[in-house]
N, C-alpha and C. Protein backbone atom coordinates (compact mmCIF):
# COMPACT_ATOMS: atom_id res chain seq x y z
N UNK A 1 0.66 -1.00 -0.34
CA UNK A 1 -0.27 -0.03 0.43
C UNK A 1 1.22 1.33 -0.32
N UNK A 2 2.06 1.49 0.73
CA UNK A 2 2.72 2.30 0.66
C UNK A 2 3.28 2.95 -0.59
N UNK A 3 3.95 1.95 -0.82
CA UNK A 3 4.45 1.65 -2.43
C UNK A 3 3.57 2.64 -3.75
N UNK A 4 2.29 2.02 -3.40
CA UNK A 4 1.39 2.34 -4.00
C UNK A 4 1.46 4.18 -3.94
N UNK A 5 1.50 4.78 -3.02
CA UNK A 5 0.75 6.06 -2.42
C UNK A 5 2.38 7.18 -2.88
N UNK A 6 3.64 6.09 -2.74
CA UNK A 6 4.53 6.71 -3.10
C UNK A 6 4.40 6.83 -4.66
N UNK A 7 4.38 6.22 -5.59
CA UNK A 7 3.49 6.08 -6.73
C UNK A 7 2.82 7.24 -7.09
N UNK A 8 2.41 7.33 -6.28
CA UNK A 8 1.21 8.34 -6.49
C UNK A 8 1.63 10.03 -6.46
N UNK A 9 2.16 9.80 -5.36
CA UNK A 9 3.00 11.38 -5.36
C UNK A 9 3.99 11.56 -6.57
N UNK A 10 4.34 10.37 -6.45
CA UNK A 10 5.71 10.58 -7.70
C UNK A 10 4.77 11.15 -8.93
N UNK A 11 3.94 10.66 -9.54
CA UNK A 11 3.81 10.75 -10.67
C UNK A 11 2.51 12.35 -10.63
N UNK A 12 2.24 12.14 -9.60
CA UNK A 12 1.48 13.75 -8.94
C UNK A 12 2.51 14.77 -9.50
N UNK A 13 3.71 14.39 -8.48
CA UNK A 13 4.93 15.55 -8.84
C UNK A 13 5.63 16.23 -9.99
N UNK A 14 5.57 14.98 -10.99
CA UNK A 14 5.45 14.76 -12.39
C UNK A 14 5.16 15.57 -13.09
N UNK A 15 3.47 14.85 -12.94
CA UNK A 15 2.89 15.89 -13.91
C UNK A 15 3.29 17.47 -13.54
N UNK A 16 2.85 17.76 -12.36
CA UNK A 16 2.91 19.15 -11.81
C UNK A 16 4.00 19.84 -12.47
N UNK A 17 5.56 19.17 -12.44
CA UNK A 17 6.56 19.94 -12.83
C UNK A 17 6.37 19.95 -14.56
N UNK A 18 5.67 19.08 -15.14
CA UNK A 18 5.64 19.00 -16.66
C UNK A 18 4.66 20.24 -16.63
N UNK A 19 4.15 19.91 -16.04
CA UNK A 19 2.73 21.85 -16.19
C UNK A 19 3.33 23.37 -16.02
N UNK A 20 4.43 23.68 -15.16
CA UNK A 20 5.35 24.33 -14.94
C UNK A 20 5.99 24.31 -16.67
N UNK A 21 6.60 23.61 -16.73
CA UNK A 21 7.28 23.54 -17.75
C UNK A 21 7.22 23.90 -19.19
N UNK A 22 5.73 23.74 -19.02
CA UNK A 22 4.73 24.02 -20.72
C UNK A 22 4.28 23.05 -21.05
N UNK A 23 3.56 22.49 -20.46
CA UNK A 23 2.54 21.11 -20.81
C UNK A 23 3.07 19.48 -20.60
N UNK A 24 2.45 19.11 -20.81
CA UNK A 24 2.65 17.72 -21.77
C UNK A 24 3.40 17.75 -23.50
N UNK A 25 2.93 18.14 -24.54
CA UNK A 25 2.85 18.45 -25.24
C UNK A 25 4.34 19.63 -26.13
N UNK A 26 3.84 20.76 -25.15
CA UNK A 26 3.90 21.83 -26.26
C UNK A 26 5.53 22.18 -25.39
N UNK A 27 6.10 22.44 -26.53
CA UNK A 27 7.67 22.83 -26.29
C UNK A 27 7.80 24.05 -26.09
N UNK A 28 9.24 24.75 -26.19
CA UNK A 28 8.71 26.11 -26.12
C UNK A 28 9.12 26.68 -27.40
N UNK A 29 8.90 26.16 -28.17
CA UNK A 29 9.31 26.50 -29.69
C UNK A 29 7.54 26.36 -30.60
N UNK A 30 6.96 25.18 -29.83
CA UNK A 30 5.31 25.44 -29.73
C UNK A 30 4.46 26.07 -29.57
N UNK A 31 4.91 26.65 -28.40
CA UNK A 31 4.40 28.03 -27.77
C UNK A 31 5.16 29.51 -28.71
N UNK A 32 6.08 29.72 -28.75
CA UNK A 32 6.67 30.79 -29.80
C UNK A 32 5.15 30.87 -30.75
N UNK A 33 5.63 29.89 -31.33
CA UNK A 33 5.08 29.85 -33.05
C UNK A 33 3.35 29.84 -32.50
N UNK A 34 2.99 29.74 -31.58
CA UNK A 34 1.78 29.71 -31.19
C UNK A 34 0.89 31.37 -30.88
N UNK A 35 2.09 31.94 -30.04
CA UNK A 35 2.10 33.04 -29.80
C UNK A 35 1.94 33.51 -30.74
N UNK A 36 2.71 33.78 -32.20
CA UNK A 36 3.11 34.61 -32.61
C UNK A 36 1.87 34.34 -33.80
N UNK A 37 0.90 33.30 -34.15
CA UNK A 37 0.17 33.17 -34.88
C UNK A 37 -1.23 34.42 -34.08
N UNK A 38 -1.10 33.97 -32.90
CA UNK A 38 -2.36 34.23 -32.16
C UNK A 38 -1.90 36.19 -32.46
N UNK A 39 -0.96 36.36 -31.95
CA UNK A 39 -0.41 38.18 -32.72
C UNK A 39 -1.58 38.64 -33.84
N UNK A 40 -0.80 37.38 -34.56
CA UNK A 40 -1.12 37.50 -36.12
C UNK A 40 -2.33 38.04 -36.35
N UNK A 41 -2.97 37.42 -35.73
CA UNK A 41 -4.02 36.91 -36.07
C UNK A 41 -5.65 38.60 -35.27
N UNK A 42 -4.30 38.76 -33.72
CA UNK A 42 -5.29 39.84 -33.27
C UNK A 42 -4.83 41.69 -33.27
N UNK A 43 -3.92 40.57 -34.90
CA UNK A 43 -3.53 41.99 -35.06
C UNK A 43 -2.69 43.04 -34.57
N UNK A 44 -1.63 42.61 -34.06
CA UNK A 44 -0.75 43.45 -32.82
C UNK A 44 0.24 43.67 -33.48
N UNK A 45 0.43 43.70 -35.03
CA UNK A 45 1.37 44.77 -35.88
C UNK A 45 0.34 45.93 -36.11
N UNK A 46 -0.82 46.34 -36.22
CA UNK A 46 -1.45 46.93 -36.46
C UNK A 46 -1.23 48.07 -35.83
N UNK A 47 -1.94 49.64 -36.49
CA UNK A 47 -1.73 50.68 -34.92
C UNK A 47 -2.95 50.60 -33.87
N UNK A 48 -2.22 50.34 -32.68
CA UNK A 48 -3.12 49.77 -31.69
C UNK A 48 -4.05 51.56 -31.07
N UNK A 49 -4.33 52.52 -32.02
CA UNK A 49 -4.23 53.47 -31.61
C UNK A 49 -6.10 53.49 -32.87
N UNK A 50 -5.84 53.48 -34.04
CA UNK A 50 -6.66 52.94 -34.88
C UNK A 50 -7.69 51.68 -34.45
N UNK A 51 -8.59 51.92 -33.98
CA UNK A 51 -9.64 51.14 -33.83
C UNK A 51 -10.05 50.22 -35.43
N UNK A 52 -10.48 50.91 -36.42
CA UNK A 52 -10.66 51.17 -37.62
C UNK A 52 -9.70 49.73 -38.37
N UNK A 53 -8.45 50.30 -38.35
CA UNK A 53 -7.76 49.08 -38.52
C UNK A 53 -7.14 47.76 -38.44
N UNK A 54 -7.46 48.22 -36.91
CA UNK A 54 -7.36 46.83 -36.26
C UNK A 54 -8.52 45.83 -35.96
N UNK A 55 -9.24 46.29 -36.39
CA UNK A 55 -10.69 44.94 -37.04
C UNK A 55 -10.27 45.12 -38.17
N UNK A 56 -10.14 46.17 -39.06
CA UNK A 56 -10.59 45.80 -40.55
C UNK A 56 -8.93 44.62 -40.78
N UNK A 57 -7.95 44.67 -40.41
CA UNK A 57 -6.88 43.50 -40.18
C UNK A 57 -7.52 42.24 -39.77
N UNK A 58 -7.99 42.39 -38.50
CA UNK A 58 -8.52 41.14 -37.70
C UNK A 58 -9.75 39.85 -38.70
N UNK A 59 -10.39 40.77 -39.13
CA UNK A 59 -11.72 40.60 -40.29
C UNK A 59 -10.90 40.07 -41.36
N UNK A 60 -10.06 40.92 -42.28
CA UNK A 60 -9.50 40.58 -43.38
C UNK A 60 -8.35 39.17 -43.14
N UNK A 61 -7.93 38.96 -41.87
CA UNK A 61 -6.93 37.58 -41.63
C UNK A 61 -7.94 36.66 -41.59
N UNK A 62 -9.17 36.52 -40.99
CA UNK A 62 -10.25 35.70 -40.21
C UNK A 62 -10.70 35.45 -41.89
N UNK A 63 -10.73 36.07 -42.73
CA UNK A 63 -12.07 36.11 -43.87
C UNK A 63 -10.18 34.86 -44.68
N UNK A 64 -9.60 35.28 -44.71
CA UNK A 64 -8.58 34.97 -45.31
C UNK A 64 -8.43 33.77 -44.87
N UNK A 65 -8.44 33.42 -43.72
CA UNK A 65 -7.76 31.65 -43.30
C UNK A 65 -9.60 30.97 -43.61
N UNK A 66 -10.12 31.78 -43.55
CA UNK A 66 -11.76 30.71 -44.26
C UNK A 66 -11.92 30.49 -45.28
N UNK A 67 -11.14 31.14 -46.34
CA UNK A 67 -11.01 31.19 -47.61
C UNK A 67 -10.31 29.97 -48.07
N UNK A 68 -8.63 30.23 -47.17
CA UNK A 68 -7.64 28.94 -47.22
C UNK A 68 -8.10 27.27 -46.99
N UNK A 69 -9.33 27.39 -45.97
CA UNK A 69 -10.19 26.27 -46.04
C UNK A 69 -11.07 25.77 -46.62
N UNK A 70 -11.70 26.31 -47.35
CA UNK A 70 -12.67 26.34 -48.35
C UNK A 70 -11.96 25.60 -49.50
N UNK A 71 -10.68 26.25 -50.14
CA UNK A 71 -10.09 26.46 -51.09
C UNK A 71 -9.29 25.22 -51.04
N UNK A 72 -9.09 24.85 -50.35
CA UNK A 72 -8.37 23.52 -49.92
C UNK A 72 -9.34 22.28 -49.52
N UNK A 73 -10.50 22.34 -49.38
CA UNK A 73 -11.28 21.70 -49.18
C UNK A 73 -11.76 21.04 -50.08
N UNK A 74 -12.35 22.02 -51.04
CA UNK A 74 -12.82 22.39 -52.69
C UNK A 74 -11.96 21.29 -53.33
N UNK A 75 -10.52 21.82 -53.51
CA UNK A 75 -9.82 21.12 -53.90
C UNK A 75 -9.82 19.59 -53.76
N UNK A 76 -9.28 18.98 -52.73
CA UNK A 76 -9.11 17.76 -52.22
C UNK A 76 -10.79 16.76 -52.60
N UNK A 77 -11.68 17.85 -53.01
CA UNK A 77 -13.16 16.93 -53.51
C UNK A 77 -12.63 16.57 -54.57
N UNK A 78 -12.35 17.98 -55.68
CA UNK A 78 -13.09 17.93 -57.00
C UNK A 78 -11.24 17.20 -57.71
N UNK A 79 -10.32 17.04 -57.08
CA UNK A 79 -9.20 16.68 -57.89
C UNK A 79 -8.39 15.26 -57.05
N UNK A 80 -9.50 15.38 -55.85
CA UNK A 80 -9.51 13.93 -55.62
C UNK A 80 -10.32 12.47 -56.03
N UNK A 81 -10.54 12.96 -56.88
CA UNK A 81 -11.74 12.09 -57.57
C UNK A 81 -10.65 10.87 -58.60
């Protein structure tokens, strides 16, 4: 019984360490890339004092992503025959 309790404590400690270091699957490179993509779609590079530019950039980038998915889907369906 004591061995099982020790294993549970060790496993919880290891999971907590992994959580603090960035998760079970996310490497620092993956985190950096995800933040970069998030910043791109949040329009952090646009002039933050101009709300129209910020929202226009966000909408344009969002529509571009939707168009990419639709085009890729269409190509897979029609050229995959």
